[in-house]
Amino acid sequence: MAPKDVKFRASKIRESGDLVNDAVNLWSNAPFTLDSAVLPANCFGKVGEELGLRDEYERSRAKTILELNDGTNILIQNREAVYKAADRYEGAEIKATQNVKDIPRHRPDLDNDHSDYESKYGWARNS
């Protein structure tokens, strides 16, 4: 594989990491938005306050904020894994390409006798 193809494919993997990074940025704003979602006084009415609906809402909101923060951490781990995968892919492809360069691809004794189709007509060699 040509080095430019390896770079292109690795860049596509990194682009997916960038998309995960965008998700991290959007997701990490959610806890701040939810934290500012404070209900006005007496919104549950007298009965609702007596039943403890406000306390239940506050507990639920706090739990959701913690879960959102955990989700942010998971997204960050995923983003880093994608970037690492791109680096490993690129490194492995470059290493494989370098190893293949050292392998003989044909028999040297047949290389210059010009008896094959390519040597006679040249179209395949020049493409």
N, C-alpha and C. Protein backbone atom coordinates (compact mmCIF):
# COMPACT_ATOMS: atom_id res chain seq x y z
N MET A 1 0.85 -1.17 0.00
CA MET A 1 0.00 0.00 0.00
C MET A 1 0.90 1.24 0.00
N ALA A 2 0.51 2.20 -0.79
CA ALA A 2 1.30 3.42 -0.89
C ALA A 2 1.23 4.21 0.42
N PRO A 3 2.33 4.90 0.76
CA PRO A 3 2.31 5.68 2.01
C PRO A 3 1.18 6.70 2.07
N LYS A 4 0.83 7.28 0.91
CA LYS A 4 -0.26 8.26 0.93
C LYS A 4 -1.59 7.60 1.27
N ASP A 5 -1.77 6.33 0.85
CA ASP A 5 -2.99 5.60 1.20
C ASP A 5 -3.04 5.31 2.70
N VAL A 6 -1.90 4.96 3.26
CA VAL A 6 -1.83 4.70 4.70
C VAL A 6 -2.17 5.97 5.47
N LYS A 7 -1.58 7.09 5.05
CA LYS A 7 -1.87 8.38 5.71
C LYS A 7 -3.35 8.72 5.59
N PHE A 8 -3.91 8.48 4.39
CA PHE A 8 -5.32 8.79 4.16
C PHE A 8 -6.22 7.96 5.08
N ARG A 9 -5.96 6.66 5.14
CA ARG A 9 -6.78 5.79 5.98
C ARG A 9 -6.63 6.13 7.46
N ALA A 10 -5.41 6.42 7.87
CA ALA A 10 -5.19 6.81 9.27
C ALA A 10 -5.89 8.12 9.57
N SER A 11 -5.90 9.04 8.59
CA SER A 11 -6.58 10.32 8.81
C SER A 11 -8.09 10.12 8.93
N LYS A 12 -8.63 9.14 8.20
CA LYS A 12 -10.06 8.84 8.33
C LYS A 12 -10.39 8.31 9.72
N ILE A 13 -9.51 7.48 10.25
CA ILE A 13 -9.71 6.97 11.61
C ILE A 13 -9.64 8.13 12.60
N ARG A 14 -8.67 9.02 12.38
CA ARG A 14 -8.55 10.19 13.27
C ARG A 14 -9.77 11.10 13.16
N GLU A 15 -10.34 11.21 11.97
CA GLU A 15 -11.55 12.01 11.82
C GLU A 15 -12.69 11.44 12.67
N SER A 16 -12.78 10.13 12.75
CA SER A 16 -13.81 9.54 13.61
C SER A 16 -13.51 9.87 15.07
N GLY A 17 -12.23 9.93 15.43
CA GLY A 17 -11.86 10.37 16.78
C GLY A 17 -12.27 11.81 17.03
N ASP A 18 -12.15 12.64 15.98
CA ASP A 18 -12.59 14.03 16.11
C ASP A 18 -14.09 14.12 16.33
N LEU A 19 -14.84 13.24 15.67
CA LEU A 19 -16.29 13.22 15.88
C LEU A 19 -16.64 12.80 17.30
N VAL A 20 -15.90 11.83 17.82
CA VAL A 20 -16.11 11.43 19.22
C VAL A 20 -15.75 12.60 20.13
N ASN A 21 -14.71 13.35 19.77
CA ASN A 21 -14.33 14.52 20.56
C ASN A 21 -15.45 15.56 20.57
N ASP A 22 -16.11 15.75 19.43
CA ASP A 22 -17.26 16.66 19.39
C ASP A 22 -18.36 16.17 20.33
N ALA A 23 -18.58 14.86 20.35
CA ALA A 23 -19.57 14.30 21.26
C ALA A 23 -19.17 14.53 22.72
N VAL A 24 -17.88 14.40 23.01
CA VAL A 24 -17.39 14.66 24.37
C VAL A 24 -17.72 16.10 24.76
N ASN A 25 -17.44 17.03 23.86
CA ASN A 25 -17.69 18.44 24.17
C ASN A 25 -19.17 18.71 24.41
N LEU A 26 -20.03 18.14 23.58
CA LEU A 26 -21.47 18.36 23.76
C LEU A 26 -21.98 17.65 25.02
N TRP A 27 -21.53 16.42 25.22
CA TRP A 27 -21.99 15.64 26.36
C TRP A 27 -21.54 16.27 27.68
N SER A 28 -20.33 16.82 27.68
CA SER A 28 -19.82 17.38 28.94
C SER A 28 -20.55 18.66 29.33
N ASN A 29 -21.26 19.28 28.40
CA ASN A 29 -22.06 20.46 28.75
C ASN A 29 -23.37 20.09 29.42
N ALA A 30 -23.83 18.87 29.23
CA ALA A 30 -25.13 18.45 29.76
C ALA A 30 -25.22 18.55 31.29
N PRO A 31 -24.21 18.11 32.04
CA PRO A 31 -24.33 18.25 33.51
C PRO A 31 -24.45 19.70 33.96
N PHE A 32 -23.76 20.61 33.28
CA PHE A 32 -23.85 22.02 33.65
C PHE A 32 -25.25 22.57 33.38
N THR A 33 -25.81 22.14 32.26
CA THR A 33 -27.17 22.58 31.93
C THR A 33 -28.16 22.03 32.94
N LEU A 34 -28.02 20.77 33.27
CA LEU A 34 -28.93 20.15 34.24
C LEU A 34 -28.74 20.75 35.63
N ASP A 35 -27.51 21.10 35.96
CA ASP A 35 -27.24 21.69 37.27
C ASP A 35 -27.95 23.03 37.43
N SER A 36 -28.12 23.73 36.32
CA SER A 36 -28.78 25.03 36.40
C SER A 36 -30.31 24.90 36.33
N ALA A 37 -30.82 23.69 36.18
CA ALA A 37 -32.27 23.47 36.10
C ALA A 37 -32.86 23.41 37.50
N VAL A 38 -32.98 24.55 38.13
CA VAL A 38 -33.52 24.63 39.48
C VAL A 38 -35.00 25.00 39.38
N LEU A 39 -35.83 24.27 40.08
CA LEU A 39 -37.27 24.54 40.04
C LEU A 39 -37.62 25.69 40.97
N PRO A 40 -38.59 26.49 40.57
CA PRO A 40 -39.00 27.61 41.44
C PRO A 40 -39.71 27.10 42.70
N ALA A 41 -39.75 27.95 43.69
CA ALA A 41 -40.39 27.60 44.96
C ALA A 41 -41.88 27.33 44.73
N ASN A 42 -42.41 26.39 45.47
CA ASN A 42 -43.83 26.02 45.45
C ASN A 42 -44.33 25.54 44.09
N CYS A 43 -43.44 25.07 43.25
CA CYS A 43 -43.90 24.59 41.93
C CYS A 43 -44.68 23.27 42.06
N PHE A 44 -44.47 22.54 43.13
CA PHE A 44 -45.21 21.29 43.34
C PHE A 44 -46.48 21.51 44.16
N GLY A 45 -46.64 22.71 44.62
CA GLY A 45 -47.80 23.00 45.46
C GLY A 45 -47.58 22.47 46.87
N LYS A 46 -48.55 22.75 47.72
CA LYS A 46 -48.44 22.35 49.12
C LYS A 46 -48.41 20.82 49.26
N VAL A 47 -49.24 20.14 48.52
CA VAL A 47 -49.32 18.68 48.61
C VAL A 47 -48.03 18.06 48.08
N GLY A 48 -47.54 18.57 46.97
CA GLY A 48 -46.31 18.04 46.39
C GLY A 48 -45.12 18.21 47.31
N GLU A 49 -45.05 19.35 47.97
CA GLU A 49 -43.96 19.60 48.91
C GLU A 49 -44.07 18.65 50.10
N GLU A 50 -45.29 18.42 50.57
CA GLU A 50 -45.48 17.51 51.70
C GLU A 50 -45.13 16.07 51.33
N LEU A 51 -45.37 15.70 50.08
CA LEU A 51 -45.05 14.34 49.64
C LEU A 51 -43.56 14.16 49.34
N GLY A 52 -42.82 15.24 49.36
CA GLY A 52 -41.38 15.16 49.14
C GLY A 52 -40.98 15.11 47.67
N LEU A 53 -41.82 15.64 46.81
CA LEU A 53 -41.51 15.62 45.38
C LEU A 53 -40.26 16.44 45.05
N ARG A 54 -40.08 17.56 45.74
CA ARG A 54 -38.89 18.38 45.49
C ARG A 54 -37.62 17.61 45.86
N ASP A 55 -37.65 16.94 47.00
CA ASP A 55 -36.48 16.15 47.41
C ASP A 55 -36.21 15.02 46.42
N GLU A 56 -37.28 14.39 45.95
CA GLU A 56 -37.12 13.32 44.96
C GLU A 56 -36.52 13.88 43.66
N TYR A 57 -36.99 15.05 43.25
CA TYR A 57 -36.45 15.68 42.04
C TYR A 57 -34.96 15.99 42.23
N GLU A 58 -34.59 16.54 43.36
CA GLU A 58 -33.19 16.90 43.61
C GLU A 58 -32.30 15.66 43.63
N ARG A 59 -32.76 14.57 44.24
CA ARG A 59 -31.99 13.33 44.23
C ARG A 59 -31.83 12.79 42.80
N SER A 60 -32.92 12.82 42.07
CA SER A 60 -32.89 12.33 40.68
C SER A 60 -31.95 13.19 39.83
N ARG A 61 -32.00 14.49 40.03
CA ARG A 61 -31.14 15.40 39.27
C ARG A 61 -29.67 15.15 39.62
N ALA A 62 -29.35 14.98 40.90
CA ALA A 62 -27.97 14.73 41.32
C ALA A 62 -27.47 13.40 40.75
N LYS A 63 -28.33 12.38 40.76
CA LYS A 63 -27.94 11.07 40.21
C LYS A 63 -27.69 11.18 38.71
N THR A 64 -28.54 11.91 38.02
CA THR A 64 -28.38 12.07 36.57
C THR A 64 -27.10 12.82 36.25
N ILE A 65 -26.77 13.82 37.03
CA ILE A 65 -25.52 14.57 36.81
C ILE A 65 -24.32 13.64 36.96
N LEU A 66 -24.33 12.78 37.98
CA LEU A 66 -23.24 11.82 38.15
C LEU A 66 -23.15 10.86 36.97
N GLU A 67 -24.29 10.39 36.49
CA GLU A 67 -24.30 9.48 35.34
C GLU A 67 -23.79 10.17 34.08
N LEU A 68 -24.15 11.43 33.90
CA LEU A 68 -23.65 12.19 32.75
C LEU A 68 -22.14 12.36 32.83
N ASN A 69 -21.64 12.62 34.02
CA ASN A 69 -20.19 12.74 34.18
C ASN A 69 -19.49 11.42 33.89
N ASP A 70 -20.08 10.31 34.33
CA ASP A 70 -19.52 9.00 34.00
C ASP A 70 -19.53 8.77 32.49
N GLY A 71 -20.61 9.19 31.83
CA GLY A 71 -20.69 9.07 30.38
C GLY A 71 -19.62 9.88 29.68
N THR A 72 -19.32 11.05 30.22
CA THR A 72 -18.25 11.88 29.65
C THR A 72 -16.92 11.14 29.73
N ASN A 73 -16.66 10.52 30.87
CA ASN A 73 -15.41 9.78 31.03
C ASN A 73 -15.32 8.62 30.04
N ILE A 74 -16.43 7.94 29.82
CA ILE A 74 -16.43 6.83 28.86
C ILE A 74 -16.16 7.34 27.45
N LEU A 75 -16.79 8.45 27.09
CA LEU A 75 -16.55 9.03 25.76
C LEU A 75 -15.09 9.45 25.60
N ILE A 76 -14.51 10.00 26.64
CA ILE A 76 -13.10 10.39 26.57
C ILE A 76 -12.22 9.16 26.35
N GLN A 77 -12.52 8.07 27.05
CA GLN A 77 -11.76 6.83 26.84
C GLN A 77 -11.93 6.31 25.42
N ASN A 78 -13.14 6.40 24.88
CA ASN A 78 -13.37 5.97 23.50
C ASN A 78 -12.59 6.83 22.52
N ARG A 79 -12.60 8.13 22.75
CA ARG A 79 -11.85 9.04 21.87
C ARG A 79 -10.37 8.68 21.86
N GLU A 80 -9.81 8.48 23.04
CA GLU A 80 -8.39 8.15 23.12
C GLU A 80 -8.10 6.80 22.46
N ALA A 81 -9.02 5.85 22.59
CA ALA A 81 -8.84 4.54 21.95
C ALA A 81 -8.84 4.67 20.43
N VAL A 82 -9.70 5.52 19.90
CA VAL A 82 -9.75 5.72 18.44
C VAL A 82 -8.45 6.35 17.95
N TYR A 83 -7.97 7.36 18.65
CA TYR A 83 -6.70 8.00 18.25
C TYR A 83 -5.54 7.01 18.34
N LYS A 84 -5.55 6.19 19.38
CA LYS A 84 -4.50 5.18 19.53
C LYS A 84 -4.57 4.15 18.41
N ALA A 85 -5.79 3.76 18.05
CA ALA A 85 -5.97 2.80 16.96
C ALA A 85 -5.43 3.37 15.65
N ALA A 86 -5.66 4.65 15.40
CA ALA A 86 -5.14 5.27 14.18
C ALA A 86 -3.61 5.25 14.17
N ASP A 87 -3.01 5.57 15.30
CA ASP A 87 -1.54 5.56 15.39
C ASP A 87 -1.00 4.15 15.19
N ARG A 88 -1.64 3.17 15.81
CA ARG A 88 -1.18 1.79 15.68
C ARG A 88 -1.36 1.29 14.25
N TYR A 89 -2.48 1.62 13.63
CA TYR A 89 -2.72 1.20 12.25
C TYR A 89 -1.65 1.79 11.34
N GLU A 90 -1.42 3.07 11.48
CA GLU A 90 -0.43 3.73 10.63
C GLU A 90 0.96 3.13 10.85
N GLY A 91 1.32 2.92 12.10
CA GLY A 91 2.63 2.34 12.40
C GLY A 91 2.77 0.93 11.85
N ALA A 92 1.72 0.13 11.99
CA ALA A 92 1.77 -1.25 11.49
C ALA A 92 1.86 -1.29 9.98
N GLU A 93 1.11 -0.43 9.30
CA GLU A 93 1.15 -0.40 7.84
C GLU A 93 2.51 0.06 7.33
N ILE A 94 3.08 1.06 7.97
CA ILE A 94 4.40 1.55 7.55
C ILE A 94 5.44 0.46 7.77
N LYS A 95 5.37 -0.21 8.92
CA LYS A 95 6.33 -1.28 9.21
C LYS A 95 6.18 -2.42 8.21
N ALA A 96 4.94 -2.79 7.90
CA ALA A 96 4.71 -3.87 6.94
C ALA A 96 5.22 -3.48 5.56
N THR A 97 5.01 -2.24 5.17
CA THR A 97 5.49 -1.77 3.87
C THR A 97 7.00 -1.82 3.81
N GLN A 98 7.66 -1.43 4.88
CA GLN A 98 9.13 -1.47 4.90
C GLN A 98 9.63 -2.90 4.84
N ASN A 99 8.95 -3.82 5.51
CA ASN A 99 9.36 -5.22 5.48
C ASN A 99 9.16 -5.83 4.10
N VAL A 100 8.11 -5.42 3.40
CA VAL A 100 7.83 -5.97 2.08
C VAL A 100 8.83 -5.47 1.05
N LYS A 101 9.35 -4.29 1.23
CA LYS A 101 10.32 -3.74 0.27
C LYS A 101 11.56 -4.62 0.16
N ASP A 102 11.90 -5.30 1.22
CA ASP A 102 13.10 -6.13 1.24
C ASP A 102 12.90 -7.51 0.64
N ILE A 103 11.66 -7.87 0.33
CA ILE A 103 11.38 -9.20 -0.21
C ILE A 103 11.51 -9.16 -1.73
N PRO A 104 12.28 -10.07 -2.33
CA PRO A 104 12.36 -10.09 -3.79
C PRO A 104 11.00 -10.46 -4.40
N ARG A 105 10.61 -9.74 -5.41
CA ARG A 105 9.29 -9.92 -6.00
C ARG A 105 9.31 -10.79 -7.25
N HIS A 106 10.46 -11.10 -7.78
CA HIS A 106 10.55 -11.91 -9.00
C HIS A 106 11.91 -12.59 -9.04
N ARG A 107 12.08 -13.42 -10.00
CA ARG A 107 13.36 -14.12 -10.13
C ARG A 107 14.32 -13.25 -10.93
N PRO A 108 15.44 -12.88 -10.35
CA PRO A 108 16.38 -12.00 -11.05
C PRO A 108 16.89 -12.59 -12.36
N ASP A 109 17.00 -13.91 -12.45
CA ASP A 109 17.51 -14.51 -13.69
C ASP A 109 16.51 -14.36 -14.84
N LEU A 110 15.24 -14.11 -14.54
CA LEU A 110 14.25 -13.92 -15.60
C LEU A 110 13.93 -12.45 -15.84
N ASP A 111 14.50 -11.59 -15.05
CA ASP A 111 14.13 -10.18 -15.08
C ASP A 111 14.43 -9.52 -16.42
N ASN A 112 15.57 -9.77 -17.01
CA ASN A 112 15.98 -9.02 -18.18
C ASN A 112 15.97 -9.81 -19.48
N ASP A 113 15.29 -10.93 -19.54
CA ASP A 113 15.30 -11.69 -20.80
C ASP A 113 14.23 -11.19 -21.78
N HIS A 114 13.34 -10.31 -21.35
CA HIS A 114 12.33 -9.66 -22.18
C HIS A 114 11.44 -10.64 -22.93
N SER A 115 11.20 -11.79 -22.34
CA SER A 115 10.36 -12.78 -23.00
C SER A 115 8.92 -12.73 -22.51
N ASP A 116 8.64 -11.98 -21.47
CA ASP A 116 7.29 -11.95 -20.96
C ASP A 116 6.44 -10.88 -21.66
N TYR A 117 5.16 -10.97 -21.48
CA TYR A 117 4.20 -10.08 -22.15
C TYR A 117 4.45 -8.62 -21.79
N GLU A 118 4.70 -8.36 -20.51
CA GLU A 118 4.94 -6.98 -20.08
C GLU A 118 6.15 -6.39 -20.77
N SER A 119 7.22 -7.16 -20.84
CA SER A 119 8.44 -6.65 -21.45
C SER A 119 8.25 -6.39 -22.94
N LYS A 120 7.48 -7.24 -23.61
CA LYS A 120 7.27 -7.06 -25.05
C LYS A 120 6.41 -5.84 -25.34
N TYR A 121 5.32 -5.67 -24.57
CA TYR A 121 4.36 -4.62 -24.91
C TYR A 121 4.38 -3.44 -23.95
N GLY A 122 4.85 -3.65 -22.73
CA GLY A 122 5.11 -2.57 -21.79
C GLY A 122 3.91 -1.89 -21.17
N TRP A 123 2.72 -2.21 -21.58
CA TRP A 123 1.57 -1.47 -21.06
C TRP A 123 1.36 -1.70 -19.57
N ALA A 124 1.58 -2.89 -19.09
CA ALA A 124 1.34 -3.18 -17.68
C ALA A 124 2.43 -2.58 -16.80
N ARG A 125 3.66 -2.56 -17.29
CA ARG A 125 4.76 -2.02 -16.51
C ARG A 125 4.63 -0.50 -16.38
N ASN A 126 4.14 0.18 -17.40
CA ASN A 126 4.09 1.64 -17.40
C ASN A 126 2.82 2.19 -16.76
N SER A 127 1.88 1.35 -16.39
CA SER A 127 0.64 1.87 -15.83
C SER A 127 0.77 2.16 -14.37
